[in-house]
Amino acid sequence: MTEVARPERDPGDAGERPRGRARRGPGRRPGLTETRNEILDAARALFAEKGYDATSLRSIARAAGVDPALVHHYFGNKEGVFTAAMRFPVDPGEFLPRVMATPRERLGEAMVRTFLTVWEDDARRAPILAMLRSAMTNERAAVAVREFVTSALFGRVAELGGIPRLRLNAAAGQMIGVMFLRYVLRVEPIASAGREELVELLAPTIQRYFDEPS
């Protein structure tokens, strides 16, 4: 009796599919853009639910139904995922090492220039404002933003430059206040002041936070 050949097992069957992703219907496999967007959707949900610190690359991958290596491939690390998912305008992993490579006596100037560069760009300023508004009205958003700023920004600067976090908080708080006056409320004359004029005015004050206590 001739044995009927069994069809080969499709590696895409449910038994081989990562948990957390619904089974797809027939048709083309998801493209790179679709996969990337699924990772970002999963990341946004987890950051909102658990906060920044309690969310890992592995948990994001599990929720998106992909291998953790794929998340790492697209975004590099958790900071990169947060930056993309929450539309944070700058990636700390890219700009902080450059800023902190500045001689200590010029960190104030570097910080002022960095803030001005980011906030004067409409495409970058919009997501900052959206994130700050969300943090002011939604506790979960506030937790995610607070943990990210504490870990990825202030924690990294403190690690790279050995600067106390209280001083970092004070410097950043002062710069955010200036940015609100200039770009959101548009209070004159600071709204129309020249870039170099502001650098000359603000850099010495911000530098004071970074100088070693006498």
N, C-alpha and C. Protein backbone atom coordinates (compact mmCIF):
# COMPACT_ATOMS: atom_id res chain seq x y z
N MET A 1 0.85 -1.19 0.00
CA MET A 1 0.00 0.00 0.00
C MET A 1 0.88 1.24 0.00
N THR A 2 0.54 2.14 -0.93
CA THR A 2 1.37 3.34 -1.05
C THR A 2 1.03 4.34 0.04
N GLU A 3 2.03 4.84 0.75
CA GLU A 3 1.81 5.78 1.83
C GLU A 3 1.61 7.18 1.25
N VAL A 4 0.59 7.84 1.72
CA VAL A 4 0.32 9.18 1.24
C VAL A 4 1.26 10.15 1.93
N ALA A 5 1.93 10.93 1.13
CA ALA A 5 2.91 11.88 1.70
C ALA A 5 2.18 12.96 2.48
N ARG A 6 2.71 13.23 3.67
CA ARG A 6 2.13 14.29 4.47
C ARG A 6 2.77 15.63 4.10
N PRO A 7 1.97 16.68 4.13
CA PRO A 7 2.56 17.99 3.81
C PRO A 7 3.55 18.40 4.87
N GLU A 8 4.60 19.09 4.45
CA GLU A 8 5.59 19.54 5.41
C GLU A 8 4.99 20.58 6.34
N ARG A 9 5.46 20.61 7.58
CA ARG A 9 4.96 21.55 8.57
C ARG A 9 5.44 22.96 8.23
N ASP A 10 4.49 23.85 8.22
CA ASP A 10 4.82 25.26 7.95
C ASP A 10 5.37 25.89 9.22
N PRO A 11 6.56 26.42 9.18
CA PRO A 11 7.12 27.03 10.40
C PRO A 11 6.29 28.19 10.90
N GLY A 12 5.32 28.65 10.07
CA GLY A 12 4.47 29.73 10.51
C GLY A 12 3.23 29.25 11.22
N ASP A 13 3.11 27.89 11.46
CA ASP A 13 1.95 27.38 12.18
C ASP A 13 1.92 27.92 13.59
N ALA A 14 0.74 27.78 14.22
CA ALA A 14 0.56 28.37 15.55
C ALA A 14 1.59 27.87 16.55
N GLY A 15 1.98 26.61 16.42
CA GLY A 15 2.93 26.05 17.38
C GLY A 15 4.29 26.68 17.31
N GLU A 16 4.61 27.32 16.17
CA GLU A 16 5.93 27.93 16.02
C GLU A 16 5.88 29.44 16.16
N ARG A 17 4.67 29.99 16.28
CA ARG A 17 4.52 31.43 16.31
C ARG A 17 4.73 31.97 17.71
N PRO A 18 5.49 33.08 17.86
CA PRO A 18 5.71 33.65 19.21
C PRO A 18 4.39 34.00 19.84
N ARG A 19 4.32 33.79 21.16
CA ARG A 19 3.12 34.16 21.88
C ARG A 19 2.95 35.67 21.89
N GLY A 20 1.70 36.13 21.95
CA GLY A 20 1.44 37.54 22.07
C GLY A 20 0.99 38.16 20.77
N ARG A 21 1.15 37.48 19.64
CA ARG A 21 0.71 38.02 18.37
C ARG A 21 -0.40 37.14 17.83
N ALA A 22 -1.46 37.78 17.36
CA ALA A 22 -2.57 37.03 16.80
C ALA A 22 -2.17 36.42 15.47
N ARG A 23 -2.78 35.26 15.15
CA ARG A 23 -2.45 34.59 13.90
C ARG A 23 -2.93 35.42 12.72
N ARG A 24 -2.08 35.58 11.75
CA ARG A 24 -2.39 36.38 10.58
C ARG A 24 -3.17 35.56 9.57
N GLY A 25 -3.94 36.27 8.79
CA GLY A 25 -4.65 35.63 7.70
C GLY A 25 -3.72 35.40 6.53
N PRO A 26 -4.21 34.74 5.46
CA PRO A 26 -3.38 34.49 4.29
C PRO A 26 -3.00 35.80 3.61
N GLY A 27 -1.93 35.75 2.89
CA GLY A 27 -1.50 36.94 2.18
C GLY A 27 -0.02 37.17 2.39
N ARG A 28 0.41 38.37 2.07
CA ARG A 28 1.82 38.69 2.16
C ARG A 28 2.26 38.77 3.62
N ARG A 29 3.51 38.40 3.84
CA ARG A 29 4.07 38.54 5.17
C ARG A 29 4.24 40.02 5.51
N PRO A 30 4.21 40.35 6.80
CA PRO A 30 4.33 41.76 7.17
C PRO A 30 5.65 42.35 6.73
N GLY A 31 5.61 43.59 6.27
CA GLY A 31 6.83 44.25 5.84
C GLY A 31 7.57 44.83 7.02
N LEU A 32 8.74 45.41 6.71
CA LEU A 32 9.58 45.96 7.77
C LEU A 32 8.89 47.10 8.49
N THR A 33 8.19 47.95 7.72
CA THR A 33 7.50 49.08 8.34
C THR A 33 6.42 48.61 9.28
N GLU A 34 5.65 47.60 8.86
CA GLU A 34 4.58 47.09 9.71
C GLU A 34 5.14 46.48 10.99
N THR A 35 6.21 45.71 10.86
CA THR A 35 6.82 45.10 12.05
C THR A 35 7.33 46.18 13.00
N ARG A 36 7.98 47.19 12.46
CA ARG A 36 8.50 48.27 13.29
C ARG A 36 7.36 48.98 14.02
N ASN A 37 6.27 49.23 13.31
CA ASN A 37 5.13 49.91 13.93
C ASN A 37 4.48 49.05 15.02
N GLU A 38 4.46 47.73 14.82
CA GLU A 38 3.92 46.84 15.85
C GLU A 38 4.77 46.90 17.12
N ILE A 39 6.08 46.98 16.95
CA ILE A 39 6.98 47.09 18.10
C ILE A 39 6.72 48.41 18.83
N LEU A 40 6.56 49.50 18.08
CA LEU A 40 6.32 50.80 18.70
C LEU A 40 4.97 50.83 19.41
N ASP A 41 3.95 50.22 18.81
CA ASP A 41 2.64 50.16 19.47
C ASP A 41 2.73 49.41 20.80
N ALA A 42 3.43 48.28 20.77
CA ALA A 42 3.59 47.49 22.00
C ALA A 42 4.38 48.28 23.04
N ALA A 43 5.41 48.99 22.59
CA ALA A 43 6.24 49.77 23.52
C ALA A 43 5.43 50.89 24.16
N ARG A 44 4.64 51.61 23.37
CA ARG A 44 3.83 52.70 23.93
C ARG A 44 2.89 52.17 25.01
N ALA A 45 2.25 51.04 24.73
CA ALA A 45 1.32 50.47 25.69
C ALA A 45 2.03 50.08 26.98
N LEU A 46 3.19 49.47 26.86
CA LEU A 46 3.92 49.02 28.06
C LEU A 46 4.49 50.20 28.85
N PHE A 47 5.03 51.19 28.15
CA PHE A 47 5.54 52.37 28.85
C PHE A 47 4.42 53.07 29.61
N ALA A 48 3.23 53.13 28.99
CA ALA A 48 2.09 53.78 29.65
C ALA A 48 1.61 52.96 30.83
N GLU A 49 1.65 51.63 30.70
CA GLU A 49 1.11 50.75 31.75
C GLU A 49 2.09 50.56 32.90
N LYS A 50 3.37 50.35 32.58
CA LYS A 50 4.35 49.96 33.59
C LYS A 50 5.39 51.04 33.91
N GLY A 51 5.48 52.04 33.06
CA GLY A 51 6.54 53.02 33.23
C GLY A 51 7.80 52.61 32.50
N TYR A 52 8.79 53.51 32.51
CA TYR A 52 10.03 53.28 31.77
C TYR A 52 10.89 52.21 32.43
N ASP A 53 11.08 52.32 33.73
CA ASP A 53 12.01 51.42 34.42
C ASP A 53 11.57 49.97 34.37
N ALA A 54 10.27 49.70 34.49
CA ALA A 54 9.78 48.33 34.57
C ALA A 54 9.57 47.69 33.20
N THR A 55 9.79 48.43 32.14
CA THR A 55 9.63 47.89 30.79
C THR A 55 10.99 47.49 30.24
N SER A 56 11.07 46.29 29.71
CA SER A 56 12.33 45.79 29.15
C SER A 56 12.18 45.54 27.66
N LEU A 57 13.31 45.42 26.97
CA LEU A 57 13.27 45.08 25.56
C LEU A 57 12.60 43.73 25.35
N ARG A 58 12.84 42.80 26.26
CA ARG A 58 12.25 41.47 26.13
C ARG A 58 10.73 41.53 26.27
N SER A 59 10.24 42.34 27.20
CA SER A 59 8.78 42.44 27.36
C SER A 59 8.15 43.13 26.17
N ILE A 60 8.83 44.10 25.59
CA ILE A 60 8.33 44.75 24.38
C ILE A 60 8.26 43.75 23.23
N ALA A 61 9.34 42.97 23.08
CA ALA A 61 9.36 41.96 22.02
C ALA A 61 8.25 40.94 22.21
N ARG A 62 8.04 40.51 23.46
CA ARG A 62 6.99 39.52 23.74
C ARG A 62 5.62 40.07 23.37
N ALA A 63 5.37 41.33 23.74
CA ALA A 63 4.07 41.93 23.45
C ALA A 63 3.86 42.12 21.94
N ALA A 64 4.94 42.38 21.21
CA ALA A 64 4.84 42.57 19.76
C ALA A 64 4.90 41.27 19.00
N GLY A 65 5.28 40.18 19.70
CA GLY A 65 5.36 38.88 19.04
C GLY A 65 6.56 38.74 18.13
N VAL A 66 7.69 39.36 18.53
CA VAL A 66 8.89 39.27 17.71
C VAL A 66 10.06 38.85 18.60
N ASP A 67 11.17 38.51 17.97
CA ASP A 67 12.37 38.15 18.70
C ASP A 67 13.00 39.42 19.29
N PRO A 68 13.51 39.36 20.53
CA PRO A 68 14.15 40.55 21.13
C PRO A 68 15.27 41.11 20.27
N ALA A 69 15.95 40.23 19.52
CA ALA A 69 17.04 40.71 18.67
C ALA A 69 16.53 41.68 17.60
N LEU A 70 15.27 41.50 17.19
CA LEU A 70 14.71 42.38 16.18
C LEU A 70 14.46 43.78 16.76
N VAL A 71 14.03 43.84 18.00
CA VAL A 71 13.84 45.13 18.67
C VAL A 71 15.19 45.85 18.77
N HIS A 72 16.21 45.08 19.17
CA HIS A 72 17.55 45.65 19.27
C HIS A 72 18.04 46.11 17.90
N HIS A 73 17.72 45.36 16.85
CA HIS A 73 18.15 45.70 15.50
C HIS A 73 17.56 47.04 15.06
N TYR A 74 16.27 47.24 15.34
CA TYR A 74 15.60 48.47 14.91
C TYR A 74 15.99 49.68 15.76
N PHE A 75 16.11 49.49 17.07
CA PHE A 75 16.19 50.64 17.98
C PHE A 75 17.44 50.70 18.84
N GLY A 76 18.25 49.66 18.86
CA GLY A 76 19.50 49.67 19.59
C GLY A 76 19.35 49.31 21.05
N ASN A 77 18.56 50.08 21.81
CA ASN A 77 18.38 49.81 23.23
C ASN A 77 17.04 50.39 23.68
N LYS A 78 16.77 50.30 24.97
CA LYS A 78 15.47 50.76 25.47
C LYS A 78 15.31 52.27 25.29
N GLU A 79 16.40 53.01 25.44
CA GLU A 79 16.31 54.45 25.21
C GLU A 79 15.87 54.74 23.78
N GLY A 80 16.41 53.97 22.84
CA GLY A 80 16.04 54.17 21.44
C GLY A 80 14.58 53.85 21.19
N VAL A 81 14.07 52.80 21.83
CA VAL A 81 12.66 52.45 21.67
C VAL A 81 11.78 53.57 22.24
N PHE A 82 12.12 54.05 23.44
CA PHE A 82 11.33 55.12 24.06
C PHE A 82 11.36 56.38 23.20
N THR A 83 12.54 56.73 22.70
CA THR A 83 12.67 57.91 21.87
C THR A 83 11.75 57.84 20.67
N ALA A 84 11.69 56.67 20.02
CA ALA A 84 10.84 56.51 18.84
C ALA A 84 9.37 56.38 19.21
N ALA A 85 9.08 55.58 20.23
CA ALA A 85 7.68 55.31 20.59
C ALA A 85 6.99 56.56 21.13
N MET A 86 7.67 57.31 21.97
CA MET A 86 7.07 58.50 22.58
C MET A 86 7.40 59.76 21.79
N ARG A 87 8.06 59.55 20.64
CA ARG A 87 8.42 60.67 19.75
C ARG A 87 9.26 61.72 20.48
N PHE A 88 10.15 61.23 21.34
CA PHE A 88 11.08 62.14 22.01
C PHE A 88 12.01 62.72 20.94
N PRO A 89 12.24 64.03 20.96
CA PRO A 89 12.91 64.66 19.82
C PRO A 89 14.40 64.36 19.66
N VAL A 90 15.04 63.86 20.72
CA VAL A 90 16.47 63.56 20.62
C VAL A 90 16.74 62.24 21.31
N ASP A 91 17.73 61.54 20.84
CA ASP A 91 18.14 60.28 21.44
C ASP A 91 19.30 60.56 22.39
N PRO A 92 19.10 60.36 23.71
CA PRO A 92 20.17 60.65 24.67
C PRO A 92 21.46 59.92 24.38
N GLY A 93 21.34 58.70 23.83
CA GLY A 93 22.53 57.92 23.54
C GLY A 93 23.40 58.55 22.46
N GLU A 94 22.81 59.45 21.66
CA GLU A 94 23.56 60.08 20.59
C GLU A 94 24.13 61.44 21.00
N PHE A 95 23.30 62.28 21.64
CA PHE A 95 23.77 63.64 21.88
C PHE A 95 24.46 63.83 23.23
N LEU A 96 24.12 63.02 24.24
CA LEU A 96 24.74 63.23 25.55
C LEU A 96 26.26 63.02 25.54
N PRO A 97 26.77 61.95 24.91
CA PRO A 97 28.23 61.79 24.89
C PRO A 97 28.93 62.98 24.25
N ARG A 98 28.31 63.58 23.21
CA ARG A 98 28.94 64.74 22.57
C ARG A 98 28.94 65.94 23.50
N VAL A 99 27.81 66.15 24.18
CA VAL A 99 27.73 67.28 25.11
C VAL A 99 28.73 67.10 26.25
N MET A 100 28.77 65.87 26.80
CA MET A 100 29.62 65.63 27.96
C MET A 100 31.10 65.55 27.60
N ALA A 101 31.41 65.49 26.31
CA ALA A 101 32.81 65.55 25.88
C ALA A 101 33.34 66.98 25.93
N THR A 102 32.42 67.93 26.13
CA THR A 102 32.81 69.34 26.25
C THR A 102 33.60 69.54 27.55
N PRO A 103 34.64 70.35 27.53
CA PRO A 103 35.36 70.63 28.77
C PRO A 103 34.41 71.12 29.85
N ARG A 104 34.66 70.73 31.08
CA ARG A 104 33.75 71.03 32.19
C ARG A 104 33.45 72.53 32.28
N GLU A 105 34.44 73.36 32.02
CA GLU A 105 34.25 74.79 32.16
C GLU A 105 33.36 75.40 31.07
N ARG A 106 32.97 74.58 30.07
CA ARG A 106 32.11 75.09 29.00
C ARG A 106 30.79 74.30 28.91
N LEU A 107 30.49 73.51 29.93
CA LEU A 107 29.25 72.72 29.90
C LEU A 107 28.01 73.60 29.91
N GLY A 108 28.07 74.72 30.61
CA GLY A 108 26.92 75.62 30.63
C GLY A 108 26.57 76.11 29.24
N GLU A 109 27.57 76.53 28.50
CA GLU A 109 27.35 76.97 27.12
C GLU A 109 26.81 75.84 26.26
N ALA A 110 27.38 74.64 26.42
CA ALA A 110 26.93 73.49 25.62
C ALA A 110 25.46 73.16 25.91
N MET A 111 25.08 73.25 27.17
CA MET A 111 23.70 72.94 27.52
C MET A 111 22.73 73.98 26.93
N VAL A 112 23.08 75.25 27.03
CA VAL A 112 22.23 76.30 26.48
C VAL A 112 22.08 76.12 24.98
N ARG A 113 23.18 75.87 24.29
CA ARG A 113 23.12 75.68 22.84
C ARG A 113 22.28 74.45 22.47
N THR A 114 22.40 73.39 23.25
CA THR A 114 21.63 72.18 22.97
C THR A 114 20.13 72.45 23.12
N PHE A 115 19.74 73.10 24.20
CA PHE A 115 18.33 73.42 24.41
C PHE A 115 17.79 74.29 23.28
N LEU A 116 18.55 75.31 22.90
CA LEU A 116 18.10 76.20 21.84
C LEU A 116 17.97 75.47 20.51
N THR A 117 18.92 74.59 20.21
CA THR A 117 18.89 73.83 18.97
C THR A 117 17.64 72.96 18.89
N VAL A 118 17.32 72.30 19.99
CA VAL A 118 16.14 71.41 20.00
C VAL A 118 14.84 72.20 19.96
N TRP A 119 14.72 73.20 20.80
CA TRP A 119 13.44 73.91 20.92
C TRP A 119 13.14 74.83 19.75
N GLU A 120 14.13 75.32 19.05
CA GLU A 120 13.85 76.22 17.93
C GLU A 120 13.39 75.46 16.69
N ASP A 121 13.50 74.13 16.71
CA ASP A 121 13.05 73.28 15.62
C ASP A 121 11.58 72.90 15.86
N ASP A 122 10.67 73.37 14.99
CA ASP A 122 9.24 73.09 15.18
C ASP A 122 8.95 71.60 15.29
N ALA A 123 9.61 70.80 14.46
CA ALA A 123 9.36 69.36 14.45
C ALA A 123 9.80 68.69 15.75
N ARG A 124 10.79 69.24 16.40
CA ARG A 124 11.26 68.70 17.68
C ARG A 124 10.48 69.28 18.86
N ARG A 125 10.11 70.56 18.75
CA ARG A 125 9.43 71.21 19.87
C ARG A 125 8.03 70.63 20.09
N ALA A 126 7.33 70.30 19.01
CA ALA A 126 5.96 69.81 19.12
C ALA A 126 5.84 68.55 19.99
N PRO A 127 6.67 67.52 19.77
CA PRO A 127 6.55 66.34 20.64
C PRO A 127 6.95 66.59 22.08
N ILE A 128 7.87 67.54 22.31
CA ILE A 128 8.22 67.88 23.69
C ILE A 128 7.00 68.45 24.40
N LEU A 129 6.32 69.38 23.75
CA LEU A 129 5.15 70.00 24.37
C LEU A 129 4.04 68.97 24.59
N ALA A 130 3.84 68.09 23.59
CA ALA A 130 2.81 67.06 23.74
C ALA A 130 3.12 66.15 24.92
N MET A 131 4.38 65.80 25.07
CA MET A 131 4.78 64.92 26.17
C MET A 131 4.62 65.61 27.51
N LEU A 132 5.00 66.89 27.59
CA LEU A 132 4.86 67.63 28.85
C LEU A 132 3.39 67.81 29.21
N ARG A 133 2.54 68.08 28.22
CA ARG A 133 1.12 68.22 28.50
C ARG A 133 0.54 66.91 29.00
N SER A 134 0.94 65.82 28.37
CA SER A 134 0.44 64.51 28.82
C SER A 134 0.89 64.21 30.24
N ALA A 135 2.14 64.56 30.54
CA ALA A 135 2.66 64.29 31.88
C ALA A 135 1.95 65.12 32.94
N MET A 136 1.45 66.29 32.56
CA MET A 136 0.77 67.15 33.53
C MET A 136 -0.67 66.72 33.79
N THR A 137 -1.24 65.94 32.87
CA THR A 137 -2.65 65.56 33.01
C THR A 137 -2.87 64.07 33.19
N ASN A 138 -1.85 63.26 32.97
CA ASN A 138 -2.01 61.81 33.04
C ASN A 138 -0.88 61.23 33.90
N GLU A 139 -1.25 60.56 34.98
CA GLU A 139 -0.25 60.05 35.92
C GLU A 139 0.65 59.00 35.29
N ARG A 140 0.08 58.12 34.46
CA ARG A 140 0.90 57.09 33.83
C ARG A 140 1.92 57.71 32.90
N ALA A 141 1.49 58.70 32.13
CA ALA A 141 2.44 59.39 31.25
C ALA A 141 3.51 60.08 32.07
N ALA A 142 3.10 60.67 33.19
CA ALA A 142 4.07 61.36 34.05
C ALA A 142 5.12 60.39 34.57
N VAL A 143 4.70 59.19 34.96
CA VAL A 143 5.64 58.19 35.47
C VAL A 143 6.64 57.80 34.40
N ALA A 144 6.14 57.52 33.19
CA ALA A 144 7.03 57.10 32.10
C ALA A 144 8.05 58.19 31.77
N VAL A 145 7.57 59.43 31.65
CA VAL A 145 8.47 60.54 31.31
C VAL A 145 9.45 60.78 32.45
N ARG A 146 8.97 60.78 33.69
CA ARG A 146 9.84 61.03 34.84
C ARG A 146 10.95 59.98 34.93
N GLU A 147 10.59 58.72 34.77
CA GLU A 147 11.59 57.66 34.87
C GLU A 147 12.60 57.74 33.73
N PHE A 148 12.11 58.07 32.53
CA PHE A 148 13.02 58.19 31.40
C PHE A 148 14.00 59.34 31.61
N VAL A 149 13.47 60.49 32.01
CA VAL A 149 14.34 61.66 32.22
C VAL A 149 15.34 61.37 33.34
N THR A 150 14.86 60.71 34.40
CA THR A 150 15.74 60.42 35.54
C THR A 150 16.84 59.43 35.17
N SER A 151 16.45 58.35 34.47
CA SER A 151 17.41 57.29 34.15
C SER A 151 18.28 57.62 32.95
N ALA A 152 17.62 57.98 31.84
CA ALA A 152 18.33 58.13 30.57
C ALA A 152 19.02 59.47 30.41
N LEU A 153 18.47 60.52 31.04
CA LEU A 153 19.08 61.84 30.90
C LEU A 153 19.93 62.20 32.10
N PHE A 154 19.29 62.44 33.24
CA PHE A 154 20.05 62.88 34.41
C PHE A 154 21.02 61.81 34.89
N GLY A 155 20.57 60.55 34.87
CA GLY A 155 21.45 59.47 35.30
C GLY A 155 22.67 59.35 34.42
N ARG A 156 22.48 59.48 33.11
CA ARG A 156 23.61 59.37 32.18
C ARG A 156 24.58 60.53 32.34
N VAL A 157 24.03 61.75 32.48
CA VAL A 157 24.91 62.91 32.66
C VAL A 157 25.70 62.81 33.97
N ALA A 158 25.01 62.38 35.03
CA ALA A 158 25.69 62.23 36.31
C ALA A 158 26.80 61.19 36.21
N GLU A 159 26.55 60.14 35.46
CA GLU A 159 27.54 59.08 35.29
C GLU A 159 28.73 59.55 34.46
N LEU A 160 28.44 60.28 33.37
CA LEU A 160 29.50 60.71 32.47
C LEU A 160 30.31 61.87 33.06
N GLY A 161 29.62 62.78 33.76
CA GLY A 161 30.30 63.98 34.21
C GLY A 161 30.52 64.09 35.70
N GLY A 162 29.96 63.14 36.45
CA GLY A 162 30.13 63.20 37.89
C GLY A 162 29.48 64.42 38.51
N ILE A 163 28.36 64.88 37.93
CA ILE A 163 27.68 66.07 38.42
C ILE A 163 26.50 65.65 39.30
N PRO A 164 26.35 66.20 40.49
CA PRO A 164 25.23 65.84 41.35
C PRO A 164 23.90 66.08 40.66
N ARG A 165 22.95 65.16 40.90
CA ARG A 165 21.67 65.26 40.20
C ARG A 165 20.87 66.49 40.59
N LEU A 166 21.02 66.94 41.83
CA LEU A 166 20.30 68.15 42.23
C LEU A 166 20.72 69.33 41.36
N ARG A 167 22.00 69.42 41.07
CA ARG A 167 22.49 70.51 40.22
C ARG A 167 21.99 70.35 38.78
N LEU A 168 21.93 69.11 38.30
CA LEU A 168 21.40 68.86 36.95
C LEU A 168 19.93 69.24 36.88
N ASN A 169 19.16 68.85 37.91
CA ASN A 169 17.74 69.20 37.95
C ASN A 169 17.55 70.72 37.89
N ALA A 170 18.34 71.44 38.69
CA ALA A 170 18.20 72.88 38.75
C ALA A 170 18.55 73.53 37.41
N ALA A 171 19.62 73.07 36.77
CA ALA A 171 20.03 73.63 35.48
C ALA A 171 18.97 73.35 34.42
N ALA A 172 18.48 72.11 34.36
CA ALA A 172 17.47 71.76 33.37
C ALA A 172 16.17 72.52 33.63
N GLY A 173 15.79 72.64 34.91
CA GLY A 173 14.57 73.37 35.23
C GLY A 173 14.63 74.82 34.79
N GLN A 174 15.78 75.44 34.98
CA GLN A 174 15.92 76.83 34.56
C GLN A 174 15.84 76.95 33.05
N MET A 175 16.46 76.04 32.33
CA MET A 175 16.43 76.10 30.87
C MET A 175 15.02 75.84 30.33
N ILE A 176 14.30 74.89 30.93
CA ILE A 176 12.93 74.62 30.48
C ILE A 176 12.05 75.85 30.69
N GLY A 177 12.25 76.55 31.82
CA GLY A 177 11.49 77.77 32.06
C GLY A 177 11.76 78.82 30.99
N VAL A 178 13.02 79.00 30.62
CA VAL A 178 13.38 79.95 29.57
C VAL A 178 12.76 79.54 28.24
N MET A 179 12.80 78.24 27.94
CA MET A 179 12.24 77.77 26.67
C MET A 179 10.74 78.02 26.59
N PHE A 180 10.03 77.84 27.71
CA PHE A 180 8.60 78.11 27.72
C PHE A 180 8.33 79.61 27.47
N LEU A 181 9.08 80.46 28.12
CA LEU A 181 8.89 81.89 27.91
C LEU A 181 9.16 82.28 26.45
N ARG A 182 10.20 81.69 25.88
CA ARG A 182 10.62 82.08 24.53
C ARG A 182 9.75 81.47 23.44
N TYR A 183 9.47 80.17 23.52
CA TYR A 183 8.85 79.47 22.39
C TYR A 183 7.37 79.16 22.57
N VAL A 184 6.88 79.15 23.81
CA VAL A 184 5.47 78.82 24.04
C VAL A 184 4.67 80.08 24.37
N LEU A 185 5.05 80.77 25.44
CA LEU A 185 4.34 82.01 25.79
C LEU A 185 4.77 83.18 24.92
N ARG A 186 5.99 83.09 24.36
CA ARG A 186 6.54 84.13 23.47
C ARG A 186 6.55 85.50 24.16
N VAL A 187 7.07 85.50 25.36
CA VAL A 187 7.19 86.73 26.13
C VAL A 187 8.36 87.56 25.60
N GLU A 188 8.10 88.83 25.36
CA GLU A 188 9.16 89.72 24.88
C GLU A 188 9.85 90.39 26.07
N PRO A 189 11.14 90.67 25.95
CA PRO A 189 11.96 90.58 24.74
C PRO A 189 12.68 89.24 24.55
N ILE A 190 12.45 88.28 25.46
CA ILE A 190 13.22 87.03 25.34
C ILE A 190 12.81 86.23 24.10
N ALA A 191 11.57 86.44 23.64
CA ALA A 191 11.10 85.68 22.47
C ALA A 191 11.84 86.06 21.20
N SER A 192 12.23 87.31 21.10
CA SER A 192 12.89 87.76 19.87
C SER A 192 14.39 87.98 20.06
N ALA A 193 14.91 87.66 21.24
CA ALA A 193 16.35 87.82 21.46
C ALA A 193 17.14 86.89 20.54
N GLY A 194 18.30 87.33 20.12
CA GLY A 194 19.13 86.51 19.25
C GLY A 194 19.71 85.31 19.99
N ARG A 195 20.04 84.28 19.22
CA ARG A 195 20.58 83.04 19.78
C ARG A 195 21.86 83.30 20.58
N GLU A 196 22.80 84.01 19.97
CA GLU A 196 24.08 84.27 20.64
C GLU A 196 23.90 85.17 21.85
N GLU A 197 22.93 86.07 21.77
CA GLU A 197 22.65 86.94 22.92
C GLU A 197 22.18 86.10 24.11
N LEU A 198 21.34 85.10 23.85
CA LEU A 198 20.86 84.23 24.92
C LEU A 198 21.98 83.34 25.47
N VAL A 199 22.82 82.84 24.57
CA VAL A 199 23.94 82.01 25.02
C VAL A 199 24.83 82.82 25.96
N GLU A 200 25.14 84.05 25.57
CA GLU A 200 26.00 84.91 26.40
C GLU A 200 25.34 85.22 27.74
N LEU A 201 24.02 85.39 27.73
CA LEU A 201 23.29 85.74 28.94
C LEU A 201 23.15 84.55 29.89
N LEU A 202 22.81 83.37 29.34
CA LEU A 202 22.44 82.22 30.16
C LEU A 202 23.61 81.31 30.53
N ALA A 203 24.59 81.19 29.65
CA ALA A 203 25.66 80.21 29.86
C ALA A 203 26.38 80.37 31.20
N PRO A 204 26.73 81.61 31.62
CA PRO A 204 27.43 81.73 32.92
C PRO A 204 26.58 81.25 34.09
N THR A 205 25.25 81.51 34.04
CA THR A 205 24.38 81.07 35.12
C THR A 205 24.26 79.56 35.17
N ILE A 206 24.08 78.94 34.00
CA ILE A 206 23.98 77.48 33.93
C ILE A 206 25.31 76.84 34.31
N GLN A 207 26.41 77.48 33.94
CA GLN A 207 27.72 76.94 34.26
C GLN A 207 27.94 76.85 35.76
N ARG A 208 27.33 77.76 36.49
CA ARG A 208 27.50 77.76 37.94
C ARG A 208 27.02 76.44 38.58
N TYR A 209 26.02 75.83 37.96
CA TYR A 209 25.53 74.55 38.50
C TYR A 209 26.55 73.42 38.29
N PHE A 210 27.40 73.57 37.29
CA PHE A 210 28.35 72.50 36.95
C PHE A 210 29.72 72.68 37.58
N ASP A 211 30.00 73.88 38.08
CA ASP A 211 31.30 74.12 38.70
C ASP A 211 31.39 73.40 40.04
N GLU A 212 32.58 73.00 40.37
CA GLU A 212 32.80 72.35 41.65
C GLU A 212 32.56 73.35 42.78
N PRO A 213 31.87 72.92 43.86
CA PRO A 213 31.64 73.83 44.98
C PRO A 213 32.98 74.27 45.58
N SER A 214 33.06 75.54 45.93
CA SER A 214 34.31 76.04 46.50
C SER A 214 34.36 75.78 48.01
